[in-house]
Amino acid sequence: MNIKKYIPNLITLGNLLCGTIAAILAVKGDFFGTAIMVMVGIGLDFLDGFAARLLKVQGELGKQLDSLADMVTSGVVPGIVMLQLLVNAIDIDAVGYFGVDEYGRSGSNLPYVGLILTLAAGYRLAKFNIDERQSDSFIGLPTPAMSLFVVSLPLINEYAQNQFFSSLIQNSYFLIAIIIVLSFLMNAEVPLFSLKFKDYSFKKNIVKYVFLITSIALLVFFKVMAIPMIILLYVVVSLLQNLAKK
């Protein structure tokens, strides 16, 4: 029995477990715990692919399992978080937006718009599984990047103590705009560079190294506020790289 072939799949199941816990925490409104579990899950998502390549046990089962785990951690969870942000933005009771509560108060169906992120992530992951162009780079924004962007928003609102950004995150129009932009970017035919390294030479990976160094600097100076900045930087650098190639 070849035990090593099961190691990457066990790591992937760890990602799925983290995503499931994150979904429960997001429903409860524990956004800090949600963000921690999402980050751990995304870390495991990177590690399972690395382990599969290292152990030379890559296979179709692992590929499908990886997408299923990503669908929870980087699809369902950000959808729930965005739903909760919209609930807070339009100032309604959590029980109210499902229809009419026990006091006869009608709510709003607007928060369900947040689940568009979940649908867009599912569509992107399905396309990824059958797209042979995405072995060395990505076509469209990867779902983990979208998930990190979204789960960082309530943390910025709570911990960053920046009135301007807090007011944006509490604005339903701004949140809907984010949903539209992220859903589009995930499924757009836009090449984005991958952080996978075939070798570690600086010359061949200069864009990746500069991006990583800049990201670390942003995290040091801006902390949680740096997360959406890094995702935005990732898209902008990729677009500039595409223009340079043309």
C-alpha atoms as a PDB file:
ATOM      1  CA  MET A   1       0.000   0.000   0.000  1.00  0.00           C
ATOM      2  CA  ASN A   2       1.478   3.314  -1.127  1.00  0.00           C
ATOM      3  CA  ILE A   3       0.674   5.650   1.758  1.00  0.00           C
ATOM      4  CA  LYS A   4       2.402   8.698   0.277  1.00  0.00           C
ATOM      5  CA  LYS A   5      -0.199   9.047  -2.484  1.00  0.00           C
ATOM      6  CA  TYR A   6      -2.826   9.827   0.181  1.00  0.00           C
ATOM      7  CA  ILE A   7      -0.820  12.618   1.858  1.00  0.00           C
ATOM      8  CA  PRO A   8      -1.767  15.441  -0.578  1.00  0.00           C
ATOM      9  CA  ASN A   9      -5.445  14.436  -0.412  1.00  0.00           C
ATOM     10  CA  LEU A  10      -5.370  14.499   3.388  1.00  0.00           C
ATOM     11  CA  ILE A  11      -3.943  18.017   3.215  1.00  0.00           C
ATOM     12  CA  THR A  12      -6.731  18.969   0.801  1.00  0.00           C
ATOM     13  CA  LEU A  13      -9.303  17.564   3.222  1.00  0.00           C
ATOM     14  CA  GLY A  14      -7.715  19.799   5.860  1.00  0.00           C
ATOM     15  CA  ASN A  15      -8.506  22.738   3.568  1.00  0.00           C
ATOM     16  CA  LEU A  16     -12.108  21.519   3.297  1.00  0.00           C
ATOM     17  CA  LEU A  17     -12.348  21.198   7.081  1.00  0.00           C
ATOM     18  CA  CYS A  18     -11.032  24.742   7.541  1.00  0.00           C
ATOM     19  CA  GLY A  19     -13.544  26.023   5.005  1.00  0.00           C
ATOM     20  CA  THR A  20     -16.434  24.260   6.725  1.00  0.00           C
ATOM     21  CA  ILE A  21     -15.467  25.708  10.108  1.00  0.00           C
ATOM     22  CA  ALA A  22     -15.009  29.143   8.503  1.00  0.00           C
ATOM     23  CA  ALA A  23     -18.536  28.943   7.050  1.00  0.00           C
ATOM     24  CA  ILE A  24     -19.986  28.192  10.497  1.00  0.00           C
ATOM     25  CA  LEU A  25     -18.039  31.073  12.053  1.00  0.00           C
ATOM     26  CA  ALA A  26     -19.138  33.433   9.257  1.00  0.00           C
ATOM     27  CA  VAL A  27     -22.802  32.596   9.914  1.00  0.00           C
ATOM     28  CA  LYS A  28     -22.214  33.368  13.592  1.00  0.00           C
ATOM     29  CA  GLY A  29     -20.567  36.688  12.703  1.00  0.00           C
ATOM     30  CA  ASP A  30     -17.126  35.714  14.019  1.00  0.00           C
ATOM     31  CA  PHE A  31     -15.195  37.352  11.187  1.00  0.00           C
ATOM     32  CA  PHE A  32     -11.795  37.140  12.866  1.00  0.00           C
ATOM     33  CA  GLY A  33     -12.136  33.382  13.309  1.00  0.00           C
ATOM     34  CA  THR A  34     -13.457  33.126   9.760  1.00  0.00           C
ATOM     35  CA  ALA A  35     -10.418  34.932   8.363  1.00  0.00           C
ATOM     36  CA  ILE A  36      -8.012  32.737  10.336  1.00  0.00           C
ATOM     37  CA  MET A  37      -9.617  29.521   9.105  1.00  0.00           C
ATOM     38  CA  VAL A  38      -9.725  30.781   5.515  1.00  0.00           C
ATOM     39  CA  MET A  39      -6.038  31.705   5.621  1.00  0.00           C
ATOM     40  CA  VAL A  40      -5.107  28.310   7.075  1.00  0.00           C
ATOM     41  CA  GLY A  41      -7.254  26.608   4.426  1.00  0.00           C
ATOM     42  CA  ILE A  42      -5.613  28.581   1.604  1.00  0.00           C
ATOM     43  CA  GLY A  43      -2.213  27.718   3.051  1.00  0.00           C
ATOM     44  CA  LEU A  44      -3.152  24.028   2.946  1.00  0.00           C
ATOM     45  CA  ASP A  45      -4.440  24.534  -0.604  1.00  0.00           C
ATOM     46  CA  PHE A  46      -0.969  25.690  -1.640  1.00  0.00           C
ATOM     47  CA  LEU A  47       0.696  22.927   0.371  1.00  0.00           C
ATOM     48  CA  ASP A  48      -1.295  20.043  -1.124  1.00  0.00           C
ATOM     49  CA  GLY A  49      -0.165  20.891  -4.651  1.00  0.00           C
ATOM     50  CA  PHE A  50       3.423  21.270  -3.465  1.00  0.00           C
ATOM     51  CA  ALA A  51       3.244  17.898  -1.683  1.00  0.00           C
ATOM     52  CA  ALA A  52       1.745  16.206  -4.755  1.00  0.00           C
ATOM     53  CA  ARG A  53       4.538  17.507  -6.982  1.00  0.00           C
ATOM     54  CA  LEU A  54       7.217  16.653  -4.414  1.00  0.00           C
ATOM     55  CA  LEU A  55       5.940  13.100  -3.898  1.00  0.00           C
ATOM     56  CA  LYS A  56       5.102  12.731  -7.614  1.00  0.00           C
ATOM     57  CA  VAL A  57       1.580  11.524  -6.879  1.00  0.00           C
ATOM     58  CA  GLN A  58      -0.447  14.052  -8.892  1.00  0.00           C
ATOM     59  CA  GLY A  59      -3.727  12.641 -10.167  1.00  0.00           C
ATOM     60  CA  GLU A  60      -7.272  13.402 -11.288  1.00  0.00           C
ATOM     61  CA  LEU A  61      -8.745  12.601  -7.861  1.00  0.00           C
ATOM     62  CA  GLY A  62      -6.560  15.202  -6.188  1.00  0.00           C
ATOM     63  CA  LYS A  63      -7.476  17.785  -8.833  1.00  0.00           C
ATOM     64  CA  GLN A  64     -11.206  17.288  -8.332  1.00  0.00           C
ATOM     65  CA  LEU A  65     -10.938  17.149  -4.542  1.00  0.00           C
ATOM     66  CA  ASP A  66      -8.906  20.353  -4.558  1.00  0.00           C
ATOM     67  CA  SER A  67     -11.629  22.219  -6.446  1.00  0.00           C
ATOM     68  CA  LEU A  68     -14.343  20.881  -4.130  1.00  0.00           C
ATOM     69  CA  ALA A  69     -12.401  22.094  -1.089  1.00  0.00           C
ATOM     70  CA  ASP A  70     -11.770  25.463  -2.739  1.00  0.00           C
ATOM     71  CA  MET A  71     -15.484  25.787  -3.470  1.00  0.00           C
ATOM     72  CA  VAL A  72     -16.143  25.840   0.272  1.00  0.00           C
ATOM     73  CA  THR A  73     -13.143  27.821   1.540  1.00  0.00           C
ATOM     74  CA  SER A  74     -12.981  30.268  -1.349  1.00  0.00           C
ATOM     75  CA  GLY A  75     -16.541  30.148  -2.638  1.00  0.00           C
ATOM     76  CA  VAL A  76     -19.165  29.547   0.022  1.00  0.00           C
ATOM     77  CA  VAL A  77     -17.356  31.388   2.823  1.00  0.00           C
ATOM     78  CA  PRO A  78     -16.781  34.739   1.031  1.00  0.00           C
ATOM     79  CA  GLY A  79     -20.405  34.625  -0.141  1.00  0.00           C
ATOM     80  CA  ILE A  80     -21.616  34.298   3.450  1.00  0.00           C
ATOM     81  CA  VAL A  81     -19.256  37.032   4.651  1.00  0.00           C
ATOM     82  CA  MET A  82     -20.479  39.404   1.948  1.00  0.00           C
ATOM     83  CA  LEU A  83     -24.085  38.543   2.827  1.00  0.00           C
ATOM     84  CA  GLN A  84     -23.373  39.453   6.449  1.00  0.00           C
ATOM     85  CA  LEU A  85     -21.683  42.703   5.416  1.00  0.00           C
ATOM     86  CA  LEU A  86     -24.752  43.667   3.382  1.00  0.00           C
ATOM     87  CA  VAL A  87     -26.977  42.837   6.355  1.00  0.00           C
ATOM     88  CA  ASN A  88     -24.939  45.248   8.474  1.00  0.00           C
ATOM     89  CA  ALA A  89     -24.790  47.860   5.706  1.00  0.00           C
ATOM     90  CA  ILE A  90     -28.568  48.158   5.352  1.00  0.00           C
ATOM     91  CA  ASP A  91     -29.073  47.838   9.113  1.00  0.00           C
ATOM     92  CA  ILE A  92     -31.584  45.010   9.286  1.00  0.00           C
ATOM     93  CA  ASP A  93     -32.053  42.205  11.768  1.00  0.00           C
ATOM     94  CA  ALA A  94     -30.426  38.946  10.826  1.00  0.00           C
ATOM     95  CA  VAL A  95     -33.811  37.187  10.991  1.00  0.00           C
ATOM     96  CA  GLY A  96     -35.504  39.939   8.991  1.00  0.00           C
ATOM     97  CA  TYR A  97     -33.823  39.519   5.632  1.00  0.00           C
ATOM     98  CA  PHE A  98     -35.232  36.010   5.167  1.00  0.00           C
ATOM     99  CA  GLY A  99     -38.760  37.409   4.891  1.00  0.00           C
ATOM    100  CA  VAL A 100     -40.975  38.333   7.853  1.00  0.00           C
ATOM    101  CA  ASP A 101     -39.828  37.778  11.439  1.00  0.00           C
ATOM    102  CA  GLU A 102     -41.956  36.812  14.436  1.00  0.00           C
ATOM    103  CA  TYR A 103     -42.855  40.465  15.018  1.00  0.00           C
ATOM    104  CA  GLY A 104     -44.231  40.899  11.513  1.00  0.00           C
ATOM    105  CA  ARG A 105     -41.282  43.015  10.334  1.00  0.00           C
ATOM    106  CA  SER A 106     -40.341  42.495   6.722  1.00  0.00           C
ATOM    107  CA  GLY A 107     -36.685  42.463   5.801  1.00  0.00           C
ATOM    108  CA  SER A 108     -34.718  42.928   2.618  1.00  0.00           C
ATOM    109  CA  ASN A 109     -33.555  40.347   0.107  1.00  0.00           C
ATOM    110  CA  LEU A 110     -30.596  42.523  -0.877  1.00  0.00           C
ATOM    111  CA  PRO A 111     -28.051  40.570   1.239  1.00  0.00           C
ATOM    112  CA  TYR A 112     -28.576  37.526  -0.992  1.00  0.00           C
ATOM    113  CA  VAL A 113     -26.691  39.456  -3.683  1.00  0.00           C
ATOM    114  CA  GLY A 114     -23.536  38.552  -1.744  1.00  0.00           C
ATOM    115  CA  LEU A 115     -23.988  34.928  -2.797  1.00  0.00           C
ATOM    116  CA  ILE A 116     -23.266  35.919  -6.395  1.00  0.00           C
ATOM    117  CA  LEU A 117     -19.624  35.577  -5.329  1.00  0.00           C
ATOM    118  CA  THR A 118     -20.278  31.929  -4.490  1.00  0.00           C
ATOM    119  CA  LEU A 119     -21.882  31.318  -7.886  1.00  0.00           C
ATOM    120  CA  ALA A 120     -19.065  33.102  -9.747  1.00  0.00           C
ATOM    121  CA  ALA A 121     -16.450  31.136  -7.781  1.00  0.00           C
ATOM    122  CA  GLY A 122     -18.168  27.842  -8.621  1.00  0.00           C
ATOM    123  CA  TYR A 123     -18.243  28.726 -12.310  1.00  0.00           C
ATOM    124  CA  ARG A 124     -14.581  29.759 -12.254  1.00  0.00           C
ATOM    125  CA  LEU A 125     -13.500  26.533 -10.533  1.00  0.00           C
ATOM    126  CA  ALA A 126     -15.432  24.421 -13.034  1.00  0.00           C
ATOM    127  CA  LYS A 127     -13.747  26.256 -15.912  1.00  0.00           C
ATOM    128  CA  PHE A 128     -10.339  25.847 -14.253  1.00  0.00           C
ATOM    129  CA  ASN A 129     -10.712  22.065 -14.151  1.00  0.00           C
ATOM    130  CA  ILE A 130     -11.175  21.787 -17.918  1.00  0.00           C
ATOM    131  CA  ASP A 131      -8.895  24.637 -19.024  1.00  0.00           C
ATOM    132  CA  GLU A 132      -5.479  23.286 -20.036  1.00  0.00           C
ATOM    133  CA  ARG A 133      -4.054  26.812 -20.403  1.00  0.00           C
ATOM    134  CA  GLN A 134      -3.800  27.342 -16.636  1.00  0.00           C
ATOM    135  CA  SER A 135      -0.918  25.057 -15.746  1.00  0.00           C
ATOM    136  CA  ASP A 136       1.707  27.805 -15.387  1.00  0.00           C
ATOM    137  CA  SER A 137      -0.506  30.889 -14.998  1.00  0.00           C
ATOM    138  CA  PHE A 138      -4.122  31.768 -14.286  1.00  0.00           C
ATOM    139  CA  ILE A 139      -6.890  33.004 -16.548  1.00  0.00           C
ATOM    140  CA  GLY A 140      -8.964  35.223 -14.300  1.00  0.00           C
ATOM    141  CA  LEU A 141      -8.593  35.998 -10.606  1.00  0.00           C
ATOM    142  CA  PRO A 142      -8.008  32.832  -8.519  1.00  0.00           C
ATOM    143  CA  THR A 143     -10.767  32.130  -5.999  1.00  0.00           C
ATOM    144  CA  PRO A 144      -8.389  32.164  -2.971  1.00  0.00           C
ATOM    145  CA  ALA A 145      -7.393  35.755  -3.851  1.00  0.00           C
ATOM    146  CA  MET A 146     -11.069  36.751  -4.021  1.00  0.00           C
ATOM    147  CA  SER A 147     -11.746  35.019  -0.707  1.00  0.00           C
ATOM    148  CA  LEU A 148      -8.878  36.783   1.061  1.00  0.00           C
ATOM    149  CA  PHE A 149     -10.087  40.131  -0.295  1.00  0.00           C
ATOM    150  CA  VAL A 150     -13.618  39.599   1.027  1.00  0.00           C
ATOM    151  CA  VAL A 151     -12.798  38.162   4.464  1.00  0.00           C
ATOM    152  CA  SER A 152     -10.425  41.073   5.088  1.00  0.00           C
ATOM    153  CA  LEU A 153     -13.216  43.667   4.731  1.00  0.00           C
ATOM    154  CA  PRO A 154     -14.941  43.115   8.104  1.00  0.00           C
ATOM    155  CA  LEU A 155     -11.527  43.044   9.803  1.00  0.00           C
ATOM    156  CA  ILE A 156     -10.637  46.411   8.254  1.00  0.00           C
ATOM    157  CA  ASN A 157     -13.991  47.749   9.418  1.00  0.00           C
ATOM    158  CA  GLU A 158     -13.409  46.525  12.968  1.00  0.00           C
ATOM    159  CA  TYR A 159      -9.681  46.851  13.583  1.00  0.00           C
ATOM    160  CA  ALA A 160      -8.189  49.359  11.140  1.00  0.00           C
ATOM    161  CA  GLN A 161      -9.814  52.390  12.812  1.00  0.00           C
ATOM    162  CA  ASN A 162      -9.956  54.257   9.522  1.00  0.00           C
ATOM    163  CA  GLN A 163     -13.194  56.174   9.189  1.00  0.00           C
ATOM    164  CA  PHE A 164     -12.995  56.478   5.412  1.00  0.00           C
ATOM    165  CA  PHE A 165     -12.560  52.766   4.750  1.00  0.00           C
ATOM    166  CA  SER A 166     -15.093  51.846   7.430  1.00  0.00           C
ATOM    167  CA  SER A 167     -17.698  54.071   5.799  1.00  0.00           C
ATOM    168  CA  LEU A 168     -17.020  52.407   2.436  1.00  0.00           C
ATOM    169  CA  ILE A 169     -17.362  48.900   3.863  1.00  0.00           C
ATOM    170  CA  GLN A 170     -20.656  49.882   5.496  1.00  0.00           C
ATOM    171  CA  ASN A 171     -22.014  51.203   2.181  1.00  0.00           C
ATOM    172  CA  SER A 172     -24.214  48.696   0.343  1.00  0.00           C
ATOM    173  CA  TYR A 173     -23.505  50.282  -3.067  1.00  0.00           C
ATOM    174  CA  PHE A 174     -19.763  49.908  -2.535  1.00  0.00           C
ATOM    175  CA  LEU A 175     -20.196  46.261  -1.501  1.00  0.00           C
ATOM    176  CA  ILE A 176     -22.337  45.504  -4.546  1.00  0.00           C
ATOM    177  CA  ALA A 177     -19.700  47.128  -6.759  1.00  0.00           C
ATOM    178  CA  ILE A 178     -17.060  44.845  -5.189  1.00  0.00           C
ATOM    179  CA  ILE A 179     -19.255  41.806  -5.844  1.00  0.00           C
ATOM    180  CA  ILE A 180     -19.633  42.746  -9.510  1.00  0.00           C
ATOM    181  CA  VAL A 181     -15.925  43.502 -10.025  1.00  0.00           C
ATOM    182  CA  LEU A 182     -14.670  40.366  -8.251  1.00  0.00           C
ATOM    183  CA  SER A 183     -17.204  38.127 -10.020  1.00  0.00           C
ATOM    184  CA  PHE A 184     -16.107  39.570 -13.363  1.00  0.00           C
ATOM    185  CA  LEU A 185     -12.395  39.265 -12.615  1.00  0.00           C
ATOM    186  CA  MET A 186     -12.713  35.623 -11.587  1.00  0.00           C
ATOM    187  CA  ASN A 187     -14.199  34.686 -14.953  1.00  0.00           C
ATOM    188  CA  ALA A 188     -12.557  37.238 -17.247  1.00  0.00           C
ATOM    189  CA  GLU A 189     -10.178  36.095 -19.983  1.00  0.00           C
ATOM    190  CA  VAL A 190      -7.327  37.980 -18.332  1.00  0.00           C
ATOM    191  CA  PRO A 191      -3.971  36.175 -17.814  1.00  0.00           C
ATOM    192  CA  LEU A 192      -2.605  36.575 -14.278  1.00  0.00           C
ATOM    193  CA  PHE A 193       0.797  35.319 -13.193  1.00  0.00           C
ATOM    194  CA  SER A 194       1.098  32.356 -10.869  1.00  0.00           C
ATOM    195  CA  LEU A 195       3.275  32.259  -7.751  1.00  0.00           C
ATOM    196  CA  LYS A 196       4.425  28.729  -8.557  1.00  0.00           C
ATOM    197  CA  PHE A 197       8.201  28.529  -9.051  1.00  0.00           C
ATOM    198  CA  LYS A 198       9.751  26.146 -11.584  1.00  0.00           C
ATOM    199  CA  ASP A 199      13.154  27.352 -10.357  1.00  0.00           C
ATOM    200  CA  TYR A 200      14.231  30.014  -7.901  1.00  0.00           C
ATOM    201  CA  SER A 201      16.508  32.168 -10.065  1.00  0.00           C
ATOM    202  CA  PHE A 202      15.874  35.879  -9.601  1.00  0.00           C
ATOM    203  CA  LYS A 203      16.193  36.718 -13.289  1.00  0.00           C
ATOM    204  CA  LYS A 204      13.449  34.320 -14.398  1.00  0.00           C
ATOM    205  CA  ASN A 205      11.148  35.185 -11.486  1.00  0.00           C
ATOM    206  CA  ILE A 206      11.801  38.895 -11.024  1.00  0.00           C
ATOM    207  CA  VAL A 207       8.090  39.826 -11.176  1.00  0.00           C
ATOM    208  CA  LYS A 208       7.193  37.213  -8.563  1.00  0.00           C
ATOM    209  CA  TYR A 209       9.997  38.235  -6.199  1.00  0.00           C
ATOM    210  CA  VAL A 210       9.220  41.956  -6.494  1.00  0.00           C
ATOM    211  CA  PHE A 211       5.539  41.239  -5.885  1.00  0.00           C
ATOM    212  CA  LEU A 212       6.286  39.099  -2.811  1.00  0.00           C
ATOM    213  CA  ILE A 213       8.704  41.651  -1.323  1.00  0.00           C
ATOM    214  CA  THR A 214       6.238  44.497  -1.925  1.00  0.00           C
ATOM    215  CA  SER A 215       3.426  42.429  -0.388  1.00  0.00           C
ATOM    216  CA  ILE A 216       5.457  41.779   2.757  1.00  0.00           C
ATOM    217  CA  ALA A 217       6.245  45.495   3.049  1.00  0.00           C
ATOM    218  CA  LEU A 218       2.556  46.373   2.681  1.00  0.00           C
ATOM    219  CA  LEU A 219       1.613  43.868   5.390  1.00  0.00           C
ATOM    220  CA  VAL A 220       4.203  45.315   7.766  1.00  0.00           C
ATOM    221  CA  PHE A 221       3.066  48.905   7.285  1.00  0.00           C
ATOM    222  CA  PHE A 222      -0.681  48.532   6.731  1.00  0.00           C
ATOM    223  CA  LYS A 223      -1.450  45.185   8.426  1.00  0.00           C
ATOM    224  CA  VAL A 224      -4.957  43.929   7.591  1.00  0.00           C
ATOM    225  CA  MET A 225      -5.610  46.875   5.279  1.00  0.00           C
ATOM    226  CA  ALA A 226      -2.800  45.568   3.081  1.00  0.00           C
ATOM    227  CA  ILE A 227      -4.756  42.463   1.983  1.00  0.00           C
ATOM    228  CA  PRO A 228      -7.055  44.149  -0.565  1.00  0.00           C
ATOM    229  CA  MET A 229      -4.095  46.335  -1.620  1.00  0.00           C
ATOM    230  CA  ILE A 230      -2.063  43.201  -2.375  1.00  0.00           C
ATOM    231  CA  ILE A 231      -4.893  41.622  -4.395  1.00  0.00           C
ATOM    232  CA  LEU A 232      -5.281  44.861  -6.357  1.00  0.00           C
ATOM    233  CA  LEU A 233      -1.501  45.022  -6.872  1.00  0.00           C
ATOM    234  CA  TYR A 234      -1.551  41.426  -8.123  1.00  0.00           C
ATOM    235  CA  VAL A 235      -4.122  42.282 -10.804  1.00  0.00           C
ATOM    236  CA  VAL A 236      -2.362  45.527 -11.825  1.00  0.00           C
ATOM    237  CA  VAL A 237       1.090  43.889 -12.066  1.00  0.00           C
ATOM    238  CA  SER A 238      -0.386  41.061 -14.155  1.00  0.00           C
ATOM    239  CA  LEU A 239      -2.021  43.541 -16.525  1.00  0.00           C
ATOM    240  CA  LEU A 240       1.241  45.482 -16.880  1.00  0.00           C
ATOM    241  CA  GLN A 241       3.113  42.237 -17.527  1.00  0.00           C
ATOM    242  CA  ASN A 242       0.587  41.343 -20.235  1.00  0.00           C
ATOM    243  CA  LEU A 243       1.091  44.725 -21.884  1.00  0.00           C
ATOM    244  CA  ALA A 244       4.868  44.310 -21.732  1.00  0.00           C
ATOM    245  CA  LYS A 245       4.646  40.913 -23.458  1.00  0.00           C
ATOM    246  CA  LYS A 246       2.531  42.426 -26.242  1.00  0.00           C
END
